């Protein structure tokens, strides 16, 4: 979607800040994820394609039992980093397109402060992920969905579950970059 938007607009894609603390008991995979995140942090904001910049923000992963404190800290960290990147790219009236509920406070804050349009794009039911504070994430999702100007769900069951919370809620099926994924075959 962001590649399509970048055909006629400047797009700042902000990578997910992460929703859970990595479990190092899982072995190499957790260390590989942490290493990859640190490498992309070092790059800051990069031009990926014409009109499409990718930013990897610094954020503290969610730790069970500390969700509210970490969210408060991350809200300030992420808002500052995103505003800084927007300023550097000359973005003045963005459309915020949010898929990660842990960014809800940042998205709602930027919507208020910048007067921009907020899109919530729900691609997964993260409240059932292992190792997350499900009740807290459900609250974040509820707030984001209610505060969005428009919401899209890629799953019919999630759409039905959340539909009554925002009158501008719609189903949009998932799509893939066929050329990219067909290379594997």
N, C-alpha and C. Protein backbone atom coordinates (compact mmCIF):
# COMPACT_ATOMS: atom_id res chain seq x y z
N UNK A 1 0.82 -1.21 0.00
CA UNK A 1 0.00 0.00 0.00
C UNK A 1 0.86 1.26 0.00
N UNK A 2 1.91 1.26 0.84
CA UNK A 2 2.74 2.46 0.92
C UNK A 2 3.47 2.72 -0.39
N UNK A 3 3.85 1.65 -1.09
CA UNK A 3 4.50 1.81 -2.40
C UNK A 3 3.53 2.47 -3.38
N UNK A 4 2.27 2.08 -3.33
CA UNK A 4 1.27 2.69 -4.21
C UNK A 4 1.06 4.16 -3.84
N UNK A 5 0.96 4.45 -2.55
CA UNK A 5 0.78 5.84 -2.11
C UNK A 5 1.96 6.70 -2.54
N UNK A 6 3.16 6.11 -2.55
CA UNK A 6 4.38 6.86 -2.88
C UNK A 6 4.47 7.24 -4.36
N UNK A 7 3.59 6.71 -5.19
CA UNK A 7 3.62 7.08 -6.60
C UNK A 7 3.30 8.56 -6.78
N UNK A 8 2.42 9.10 -5.93
CA UNK A 8 1.99 10.49 -6.06
C UNK A 8 2.20 11.32 -4.79
N UNK A 9 2.78 10.73 -3.75
CA UNK A 9 2.93 11.41 -2.46
C UNK A 9 4.26 11.03 -1.83
N UNK A 10 4.71 11.87 -0.92
CA UNK A 10 5.86 11.50 -0.11
C UNK A 10 5.35 10.67 1.07
N UNK A 11 5.99 9.53 1.32
CA UNK A 11 5.55 8.61 2.35
C UNK A 11 6.69 8.38 3.34
N UNK A 12 6.38 8.50 4.61
CA UNK A 12 7.31 8.12 5.67
C UNK A 12 6.73 6.88 6.32
N UNK A 13 7.37 5.75 6.09
CA UNK A 13 6.94 4.48 6.68
C UNK A 13 7.73 4.30 7.97
N UNK A 14 7.02 4.19 9.08
CA UNK A 14 7.66 4.01 10.38
C UNK A 14 7.54 2.54 10.75
N UNK A 15 8.68 1.86 10.85
CA UNK A 15 8.68 0.45 11.23
C UNK A 15 8.05 0.25 12.59
N UNK A 16 7.52 -0.93 12.81
CA UNK A 16 6.88 -1.27 14.08
C UNK A 16 7.87 -1.16 15.22
N UNK A 17 7.45 -0.50 16.30
CA UNK A 17 8.34 -0.42 17.45
C UNK A 17 8.39 -1.73 18.24
N UNK A 18 7.59 -2.71 17.89
CA UNK A 18 7.58 -3.99 18.61
C UNK A 18 6.51 -3.99 19.68
N UNK A 19 5.92 -5.15 19.91
CA UNK A 19 4.85 -5.21 20.90
C UNK A 19 5.19 -6.10 22.08
N UNK A 20 6.31 -6.79 22.02
CA UNK A 20 6.66 -7.64 23.16
C UNK A 20 8.17 -7.72 23.31
N UNK A 21 8.58 -8.00 24.51
CA UNK A 21 10.00 -8.16 24.81
C UNK A 21 10.45 -9.50 24.24
N UNK A 22 11.61 -9.54 23.55
CA UNK A 22 12.04 -10.81 22.95
C UNK A 22 12.34 -11.86 24.01
N UNK A 23 12.01 -13.10 23.73
CA UNK A 23 12.30 -14.20 24.63
C UNK A 23 13.61 -14.84 24.19
N UNK A 24 14.65 -14.61 24.97
CA UNK A 24 15.96 -15.12 24.58
C UNK A 24 16.09 -16.62 24.82
N UNK A 25 15.09 -17.20 25.46
CA UNK A 25 15.07 -18.66 25.60
C UNK A 25 14.82 -19.33 24.25
N UNK A 26 14.27 -18.57 23.30
CA UNK A 26 13.98 -19.11 21.97
C UNK A 26 15.23 -19.28 21.12
N UNK A 27 16.37 -18.87 21.66
CA UNK A 27 17.62 -19.09 20.97
C UNK A 27 17.98 -18.03 19.95
N UNK A 28 18.59 -18.48 18.84
CA UNK A 28 19.15 -17.58 17.83
C UNK A 28 18.15 -16.63 17.22
N UNK A 29 16.90 -17.06 17.07
CA UNK A 29 15.91 -16.21 16.41
C UNK A 29 15.73 -14.89 17.16
N UNK A 30 15.63 -14.93 18.48
CA UNK A 30 15.46 -13.69 19.27
C UNK A 30 16.68 -12.80 19.12
N UNK A 31 17.86 -13.38 19.18
CA UNK A 31 19.08 -12.58 19.04
C UNK A 31 19.17 -11.98 17.64
N UNK A 32 18.72 -12.73 16.63
CA UNK A 32 18.73 -12.24 15.25
C UNK A 32 17.78 -11.05 15.11
N UNK A 33 16.59 -11.13 15.73
CA UNK A 33 15.62 -10.03 15.67
C UNK A 33 16.19 -8.78 16.35
N UNK A 34 16.79 -8.96 17.52
CA UNK A 34 17.37 -7.82 18.24
C UNK A 34 18.50 -7.21 17.43
N UNK A 35 19.35 -8.04 16.85
CA UNK A 35 20.46 -7.56 16.03
C UNK A 35 19.95 -6.78 14.82
N UNK A 36 18.93 -7.33 14.16
CA UNK A 36 18.35 -6.64 12.99
C UNK A 36 17.75 -5.31 13.36
N UNK A 37 17.07 -5.26 14.51
CA UNK A 37 16.44 -4.01 14.97
C UNK A 37 17.52 -2.97 15.27
N UNK A 38 18.61 -3.38 15.92
CA UNK A 38 19.69 -2.45 16.24
C UNK A 38 20.36 -1.92 14.97
N UNK A 39 20.53 -2.77 13.97
CA UNK A 39 21.13 -2.34 12.71
C UNK A 39 20.25 -1.31 12.01
N UNK A 40 18.93 -1.55 12.00
CA UNK A 40 18.04 -0.59 11.33
C UNK A 40 17.92 0.70 12.12
N UNK A 41 18.06 0.63 13.44
CA UNK A 41 18.06 1.84 14.26
C UNK A 41 19.23 2.74 13.88
N UNK A 42 20.36 2.11 13.63
CA UNK A 42 21.57 2.88 13.30
C UNK A 42 21.41 3.63 11.98
N UNK A 43 20.53 3.15 11.09
CA UNK A 43 20.33 3.79 9.80
C UNK A 43 19.38 4.98 9.88
N UNK A 44 18.60 5.07 10.94
CA UNK A 44 17.63 6.16 11.12
C UNK A 44 16.61 6.14 9.99
N UNK A 45 16.49 7.25 9.25
CA UNK A 45 15.51 7.35 8.17
C UNK A 45 16.24 7.21 6.84
N UNK A 46 15.80 6.25 6.04
CA UNK A 46 16.45 5.93 4.77
C UNK A 46 15.47 6.06 3.61
N UNK A 47 15.94 6.56 2.48
CA UNK A 47 15.15 6.58 1.27
C UNK A 47 15.18 5.16 0.69
N UNK A 48 14.02 4.51 0.63
CA UNK A 48 13.94 3.14 0.13
C UNK A 48 13.67 3.11 -1.36
N UNK A 49 12.79 3.99 -1.80
CA UNK A 49 12.42 4.13 -3.20
C UNK A 49 12.02 5.57 -3.40
N UNK A 50 11.74 5.93 -4.65
CA UNK A 50 11.29 7.29 -4.93
C UNK A 50 10.08 7.61 -4.05
N UNK A 51 10.14 8.71 -3.31
CA UNK A 51 9.06 9.20 -2.45
C UNK A 51 8.75 8.33 -1.24
N UNK A 52 9.54 7.31 -0.97
CA UNK A 52 9.24 6.39 0.14
C UNK A 52 10.45 6.28 1.07
N UNK A 53 10.30 6.85 2.27
CA UNK A 53 11.34 6.79 3.29
C UNK A 53 10.90 5.81 4.35
N UNK A 54 11.88 5.09 4.91
CA UNK A 54 11.61 4.12 5.97
C UNK A 54 12.38 4.56 7.21
N UNK A 55 11.66 4.60 8.31
CA UNK A 55 12.25 5.02 9.58
C UNK A 55 12.08 3.89 10.60
N UNK A 56 13.13 3.58 11.32
CA UNK A 56 13.05 2.62 12.41
C UNK A 56 13.27 3.40 13.70
N UNK A 57 12.19 3.61 14.46
CA UNK A 57 12.31 4.40 15.69
C UNK A 57 12.85 3.56 16.84
N UNK A 58 13.39 4.24 17.80
CA UNK A 58 13.79 3.59 19.04
C UNK A 58 12.58 3.56 19.96
N UNK A 59 12.28 2.40 20.51
CA UNK A 59 11.19 2.25 21.48
C UNK A 59 11.54 1.12 22.42
N UNK A 60 10.99 1.18 23.61
CA UNK A 60 11.20 0.13 24.59
C UNK A 60 10.16 -0.96 24.36
N UNK A 61 10.58 -2.23 24.20
CA UNK A 61 9.60 -3.30 24.00
C UNK A 61 8.68 -3.44 25.22
N UNK A 62 7.47 -3.90 24.96
CA UNK A 62 6.51 -4.10 26.04
C UNK A 62 6.99 -5.22 26.95
N UNK A 63 6.99 -4.97 28.24
CA UNK A 63 7.36 -5.96 29.25
C UNK A 63 6.12 -6.20 30.09
N UNK A 64 5.75 -7.45 30.25
CA UNK A 64 4.54 -7.79 30.98
C UNK A 64 4.52 -7.11 32.34
N UNK A 65 3.42 -6.46 32.65
CA UNK A 65 3.25 -5.78 33.93
C UNK A 65 3.70 -4.33 33.92
N UNK A 66 4.39 -3.89 32.87
CA UNK A 66 4.90 -2.51 32.80
C UNK A 66 4.30 -1.76 31.63
N UNK A 67 3.23 -2.26 31.05
CA UNK A 67 2.68 -1.71 29.82
C UNK A 67 2.39 -0.24 29.86
N UNK A 68 1.75 0.23 30.92
CA UNK A 68 1.35 1.63 30.96
C UNK A 68 2.56 2.57 31.07
N UNK A 69 3.52 2.22 31.89
CA UNK A 69 4.72 3.06 32.05
C UNK A 69 5.51 3.09 30.74
N UNK A 70 5.71 1.92 30.14
CA UNK A 70 6.47 1.86 28.88
C UNK A 70 5.74 2.60 27.78
N UNK A 71 4.42 2.47 27.73
CA UNK A 71 3.65 3.19 26.72
C UNK A 71 3.80 4.70 26.88
N UNK A 72 3.80 5.17 28.11
CA UNK A 72 3.95 6.61 28.40
C UNK A 72 5.32 7.09 27.89
N UNK A 73 6.36 6.34 28.18
CA UNK A 73 7.72 6.70 27.73
C UNK A 73 7.80 6.64 26.21
N UNK A 74 7.30 5.54 25.63
CA UNK A 74 7.36 5.37 24.17
C UNK A 74 6.56 6.43 23.44
N UNK A 75 5.44 6.86 24.00
CA UNK A 75 4.64 7.90 23.36
C UNK A 75 5.47 9.15 23.13
N UNK A 76 6.21 9.55 24.13
CA UNK A 76 7.05 10.75 24.01
C UNK A 76 8.23 10.51 23.07
N UNK A 77 8.88 9.36 23.19
CA UNK A 77 10.01 9.04 22.32
C UNK A 77 9.59 8.98 20.85
N UNK A 78 8.51 8.26 20.57
CA UNK A 78 8.06 8.09 19.20
C UNK A 78 7.55 9.38 18.60
N UNK A 79 6.78 10.15 19.38
CA UNK A 79 6.28 11.44 18.87
C UNK A 79 7.43 12.33 18.45
N UNK A 80 8.44 12.43 19.30
CA UNK A 80 9.59 13.27 19.02
C UNK A 80 10.32 12.80 17.76
N UNK A 81 10.55 11.47 17.65
CA UNK A 81 11.29 10.94 16.50
C UNK A 81 10.51 11.12 15.20
N UNK A 82 9.20 10.89 15.24
CA UNK A 82 8.38 11.02 14.03
C UNK A 82 8.29 12.48 13.60
N UNK A 83 8.08 13.39 14.55
CA UNK A 83 8.02 14.82 14.20
C UNK A 83 9.35 15.28 13.61
N UNK A 84 10.44 14.80 14.16
CA UNK A 84 11.77 15.15 13.66
C UNK A 84 11.95 14.67 12.23
N UNK A 85 11.55 13.42 11.96
CA UNK A 85 11.67 12.87 10.60
C UNK A 85 10.75 13.61 9.64
N UNK A 86 9.52 13.91 10.08
CA UNK A 86 8.58 14.66 9.23
C UNK A 86 9.14 16.03 8.88
N UNK A 87 9.71 16.68 9.87
CA UNK A 87 10.29 18.00 9.64
C UNK A 87 11.43 17.92 8.63
N UNK A 88 12.28 16.91 8.78
CA UNK A 88 13.40 16.73 7.87
C UNK A 88 12.96 16.45 6.44
N UNK A 89 11.79 15.84 6.29
CA UNK A 89 11.27 15.52 4.95
C UNK A 89 10.30 16.57 4.43
N UNK A 90 10.02 17.58 5.26
CA UNK A 90 9.11 18.64 4.85
C UNK A 90 7.65 18.22 4.81
N UNK A 91 7.27 17.21 5.60
CA UNK A 91 5.88 16.75 5.66
C UNK A 91 5.12 17.63 6.65
N UNK A 92 4.06 18.28 6.17
CA UNK A 92 3.34 19.21 7.04
C UNK A 92 1.95 18.74 7.42
N UNK A 93 1.21 18.15 6.51
CA UNK A 93 -0.14 17.66 6.83
C UNK A 93 -0.25 16.20 6.44
N UNK A 94 0.29 15.32 7.27
CA UNK A 94 0.32 13.90 6.91
C UNK A 94 -1.02 13.21 7.12
N UNK A 95 -1.16 12.09 6.48
CA UNK A 95 -2.21 11.14 6.79
C UNK A 95 -1.51 10.05 7.57
N UNK A 96 -1.94 9.83 8.80
CA UNK A 96 -1.32 8.79 9.62
C UNK A 96 -2.02 7.47 9.33
N UNK A 97 -1.25 6.48 8.94
CA UNK A 97 -1.78 5.16 8.60
C UNK A 97 -1.15 4.21 9.60
N UNK A 98 -1.90 3.77 10.58
CA UNK A 98 -1.36 3.03 11.72
C UNK A 98 -1.85 1.59 11.71
N UNK A 99 -0.91 0.65 11.89
CA UNK A 99 -1.27 -0.76 11.97
C UNK A 99 -0.92 -1.38 13.32
N UNK A 100 -0.11 -0.73 14.10
CA UNK A 100 0.36 -1.31 15.36
C UNK A 100 -0.29 -0.56 16.53
N UNK A 101 -1.05 -1.28 17.34
CA UNK A 101 -1.82 -0.62 18.40
C UNK A 101 -0.96 0.01 19.48
N UNK A 102 0.27 -0.45 19.66
CA UNK A 102 1.11 0.17 20.68
C UNK A 102 1.48 1.60 20.30
N UNK A 103 1.20 1.97 19.05
CA UNK A 103 1.44 3.35 18.60
C UNK A 103 0.19 4.21 18.74
N UNK A 104 -0.84 3.71 19.42
CA UNK A 104 -2.11 4.44 19.47
C UNK A 104 -1.96 5.81 20.11
N UNK A 105 -1.27 5.89 21.24
CA UNK A 105 -1.13 7.17 21.92
C UNK A 105 -0.38 8.17 21.05
N UNK A 106 0.64 7.70 20.35
CA UNK A 106 1.41 8.57 19.45
C UNK A 106 0.52 9.04 18.31
N UNK A 107 -0.22 8.12 17.71
CA UNK A 107 -1.09 8.47 16.59
C UNK A 107 -2.17 9.47 17.03
N UNK A 108 -2.80 9.20 18.17
CA UNK A 108 -3.85 10.10 18.65
C UNK A 108 -3.27 11.46 19.04
N UNK A 109 -2.07 11.46 19.61
CA UNK A 109 -1.40 12.72 19.96
C UNK A 109 -1.06 13.53 18.70
N UNK A 110 -0.47 12.86 17.69
CA UNK A 110 -0.12 13.55 16.45
C UNK A 110 -1.38 14.04 15.73
N UNK A 111 -2.45 13.27 15.79
CA UNK A 111 -3.71 13.71 15.18
C UNK A 111 -4.17 15.01 15.82
N UNK A 112 -4.13 15.06 17.14
CA UNK A 112 -4.54 16.29 17.87
C UNK A 112 -3.61 17.45 17.57
N UNK A 113 -2.31 17.22 17.69
CA UNK A 113 -1.33 18.30 17.56
C UNK A 113 -1.19 18.82 16.13
N UNK A 114 -1.27 17.93 15.16
CA UNK A 114 -1.04 18.32 13.76
C UNK A 114 -2.34 18.48 12.98
N UNK A 115 -3.45 18.06 13.56
CA UNK A 115 -4.73 18.16 12.87
C UNK A 115 -4.80 17.27 11.64
N UNK A 116 -4.15 16.11 11.71
CA UNK A 116 -4.11 15.24 10.54
C UNK A 116 -5.16 14.14 10.60
N UNK A 117 -5.33 13.48 9.50
CA UNK A 117 -6.30 12.41 9.31
C UNK A 117 -5.67 11.10 9.80
N UNK A 118 -6.44 10.27 10.53
CA UNK A 118 -5.91 9.04 11.10
C UNK A 118 -6.64 7.83 10.53
N UNK A 119 -5.86 6.92 9.94
CA UNK A 119 -6.37 5.66 9.41
C UNK A 119 -5.85 4.54 10.30
N UNK A 120 -6.76 3.67 10.77
CA UNK A 120 -6.35 2.47 11.49
C UNK A 120 -6.53 1.29 10.55
N UNK A 121 -5.44 0.56 10.32
CA UNK A 121 -5.44 -0.58 9.41
C UNK A 121 -5.11 -1.82 10.24
N UNK A 122 -6.12 -2.60 10.59
CA UNK A 122 -5.95 -3.77 11.46
C UNK A 122 -5.66 -5.00 10.61
N UNK A 123 -4.48 -5.56 10.78
CA UNK A 123 -4.08 -6.71 9.98
C UNK A 123 -3.99 -8.00 10.80
N UNK A 124 -4.17 -7.91 12.12
CA UNK A 124 -4.01 -9.09 12.95
C UNK A 124 -4.69 -8.89 14.29
N UNK A 125 -5.00 -9.98 14.96
CA UNK A 125 -5.53 -9.93 16.31
C UNK A 125 -4.36 -10.12 17.28
N UNK A 126 -3.69 -9.04 17.60
CA UNK A 126 -2.47 -9.14 18.41
C UNK A 126 -2.76 -9.50 19.86
N UNK A 127 -4.01 -9.40 20.29
CA UNK A 127 -4.33 -9.73 21.69
C UNK A 127 -4.17 -11.22 21.97
N UNK A 128 -4.06 -12.04 20.94
CA UNK A 128 -3.88 -13.48 21.15
C UNK A 128 -2.43 -13.93 20.96
N UNK A 129 -1.53 -12.99 20.69
CA UNK A 129 -0.12 -13.34 20.56
C UNK A 129 0.41 -13.83 21.90
N UNK A 130 1.29 -14.82 21.90
CA UNK A 130 1.88 -15.26 23.18
C UNK A 130 2.82 -14.19 23.75
N UNK A 131 2.82 -14.08 25.05
CA UNK A 131 3.75 -13.17 25.73
C UNK A 131 3.35 -11.72 25.73
N UNK A 132 2.08 -11.39 25.45
CA UNK A 132 1.62 -10.00 25.48
C UNK A 132 0.58 -9.83 26.58
N UNK A 133 0.41 -8.61 27.01
CA UNK A 133 -0.63 -8.25 27.97
C UNK A 133 -1.92 -8.03 27.17
N UNK A 134 -2.68 -9.09 26.99
CA UNK A 134 -3.85 -9.09 26.10
C UNK A 134 -4.88 -8.03 26.46
N UNK A 135 -5.20 -7.92 27.75
CA UNK A 135 -6.23 -6.96 28.17
C UNK A 135 -5.77 -5.53 27.87
N UNK A 136 -4.52 -5.25 28.13
CA UNK A 136 -4.00 -3.91 27.87
C UNK A 136 -3.99 -3.59 26.38
N UNK A 137 -3.54 -4.55 25.56
CA UNK A 137 -3.52 -4.33 24.11
C UNK A 137 -4.94 -4.16 23.56
N UNK A 138 -5.90 -4.88 24.13
CA UNK A 138 -7.30 -4.72 23.69
C UNK A 138 -7.78 -3.30 23.97
N UNK A 139 -7.38 -2.74 25.11
CA UNK A 139 -7.74 -1.35 25.45
C UNK A 139 -7.10 -0.38 24.45
N UNK A 140 -5.83 -0.60 24.12
CA UNK A 140 -5.15 0.26 23.15
C UNK A 140 -5.84 0.20 21.80
N UNK A 141 -6.20 -1.02 21.38
CA UNK A 141 -6.86 -1.18 20.09
C UNK A 141 -8.22 -0.48 20.07
N UNK A 142 -8.95 -0.62 21.14
CA UNK A 142 -10.27 0.04 21.24
C UNK A 142 -10.12 1.56 21.10
N UNK A 143 -9.15 2.13 21.82
CA UNK A 143 -8.93 3.58 21.76
C UNK A 143 -8.53 4.03 20.35
N UNK A 144 -7.62 3.27 19.72
CA UNK A 144 -7.16 3.62 18.38
C UNK A 144 -8.31 3.53 17.38
N UNK A 145 -9.08 2.47 17.46
CA UNK A 145 -10.18 2.29 16.53
C UNK A 145 -11.23 3.39 16.69
N UNK A 146 -11.58 3.71 17.92
CA UNK A 146 -12.57 4.77 18.16
C UNK A 146 -12.04 6.14 17.72
N UNK A 147 -10.75 6.38 17.89
CA UNK A 147 -10.16 7.69 17.56
C UNK A 147 -9.81 7.88 16.10
N UNK A 148 -9.84 6.79 15.33
CA UNK A 148 -9.48 6.88 13.91
C UNK A 148 -10.60 7.54 13.10
N UNK A 149 -10.20 8.24 12.06
CA UNK A 149 -11.19 8.81 11.15
C UNK A 149 -11.81 7.73 10.27
N UNK A 150 -11.02 6.69 9.99
CA UNK A 150 -11.50 5.56 9.21
C UNK A 150 -10.68 4.33 9.63
N UNK A 151 -11.30 3.16 9.59
CA UNK A 151 -10.62 1.93 9.98
C UNK A 151 -10.86 0.85 8.94
N UNK A 152 -9.80 0.10 8.63
CA UNK A 152 -9.88 -1.01 7.69
C UNK A 152 -9.45 -2.28 8.41
N UNK A 153 -10.17 -3.36 8.18
CA UNK A 153 -9.85 -4.66 8.75
C UNK A 153 -9.67 -5.66 7.62
N UNK A 154 -8.64 -6.50 7.71
CA UNK A 154 -8.36 -7.47 6.66
C UNK A 154 -8.97 -8.83 6.99
N UNK A 155 -9.65 -8.91 8.11
CA UNK A 155 -10.21 -10.17 8.59
C UNK A 155 -11.69 -9.93 8.92
N UNK A 156 -12.58 -10.75 8.37
CA UNK A 156 -14.02 -10.56 8.59
C UNK A 156 -14.41 -10.71 10.05
N UNK A 157 -13.82 -11.67 10.76
CA UNK A 157 -14.17 -11.88 12.17
C UNK A 157 -13.80 -10.65 13.01
N UNK A 158 -12.63 -10.08 12.77
CA UNK A 158 -12.24 -8.86 13.49
C UNK A 158 -13.15 -7.69 13.12
N UNK A 159 -13.50 -7.60 11.86
CA UNK A 159 -14.40 -6.54 11.40
C UNK A 159 -15.72 -6.62 12.17
N UNK A 160 -16.30 -7.80 12.25
CA UNK A 160 -17.58 -7.97 12.95
C UNK A 160 -17.42 -7.62 14.42
N UNK A 161 -16.32 -8.05 15.02
CA UNK A 161 -16.08 -7.78 16.45
C UNK A 161 -15.99 -6.28 16.75
N UNK A 162 -15.32 -5.52 15.88
CA UNK A 162 -15.06 -4.10 16.13
C UNK A 162 -16.00 -3.13 15.43
N UNK A 163 -16.83 -3.61 14.53
CA UNK A 163 -17.60 -2.73 13.66
C UNK A 163 -18.42 -1.67 14.38
N UNK A 164 -19.04 -1.95 15.49
CA UNK A 164 -19.90 -0.99 16.17
C UNK A 164 -19.16 0.15 16.86
N UNK A 165 -17.84 0.12 16.89
CA UNK A 165 -17.06 1.12 17.62
C UNK A 165 -16.73 2.36 16.79
N UNK A 166 -16.84 2.24 15.49
CA UNK A 166 -16.51 3.35 14.60
C UNK A 166 -17.34 3.18 13.33
N UNK A 167 -18.18 4.16 13.04
CA UNK A 167 -19.08 4.02 11.88
C UNK A 167 -18.33 3.97 10.55
N UNK A 168 -17.09 4.42 10.54
CA UNK A 168 -16.28 4.40 9.31
C UNK A 168 -15.32 3.21 9.34
N UNK A 169 -15.88 2.00 9.51
CA UNK A 169 -15.09 0.78 9.57
C UNK A 169 -15.45 -0.09 8.37
N UNK A 170 -14.40 -0.57 7.67
CA UNK A 170 -14.62 -1.30 6.43
C UNK A 170 -13.70 -2.51 6.32
N UNK A 171 -14.10 -3.46 5.50
CA UNK A 171 -13.27 -4.62 5.17
C UNK A 171 -12.45 -4.29 3.92
N UNK A 172 -11.15 -4.57 3.98
CA UNK A 172 -10.27 -4.48 2.82
C UNK A 172 -9.39 -5.72 2.86
N UNK A 173 -9.56 -6.59 1.87
CA UNK A 173 -8.80 -7.84 1.86
C UNK A 173 -7.30 -7.62 1.79
N UNK A 174 -6.59 -8.57 2.33
CA UNK A 174 -5.13 -8.52 2.31
C UNK A 174 -4.61 -8.67 0.89
N UNK A 175 -3.50 -8.06 0.60
CA UNK A 175 -2.85 -8.20 -0.70
C UNK A 175 -1.38 -8.47 -0.48
N UNK A 176 -0.72 -8.94 -1.52
CA UNK A 176 0.72 -9.20 -1.42
C UNK A 176 1.43 -8.63 -2.63
N UNK A 177 2.72 -8.45 -2.48
CA UNK A 177 3.58 -8.06 -3.59
C UNK A 177 3.95 -9.35 -4.32
N UNK A 178 3.15 -9.71 -5.32
CA UNK A 178 3.31 -10.99 -6.00
C UNK A 178 4.71 -11.16 -6.59
N UNK A 179 5.22 -10.12 -7.25
CA UNK A 179 6.56 -10.21 -7.86
C UNK A 179 7.62 -10.55 -6.82
N UNK A 180 7.54 -9.90 -5.66
CA UNK A 180 8.52 -10.12 -4.60
C UNK A 180 8.46 -11.57 -4.10
N UNK A 181 7.26 -12.06 -3.77
CA UNK A 181 7.14 -13.37 -3.17
C UNK A 181 7.24 -14.51 -4.19
N UNK A 182 7.00 -14.24 -5.47
CA UNK A 182 7.10 -15.30 -6.47
C UNK A 182 8.55 -15.64 -6.78
N UNK A 183 9.49 -14.80 -6.39
CA UNK A 183 10.92 -15.09 -6.62
C UNK A 183 11.38 -16.33 -5.85
N UNK A 184 10.68 -16.64 -4.77
CA UNK A 184 11.06 -17.78 -3.95
C UNK A 184 10.91 -19.09 -4.74
N UNK A 185 9.93 -19.11 -5.63
CA UNK A 185 9.67 -20.33 -6.41
C UNK A 185 10.63 -20.38 -7.57
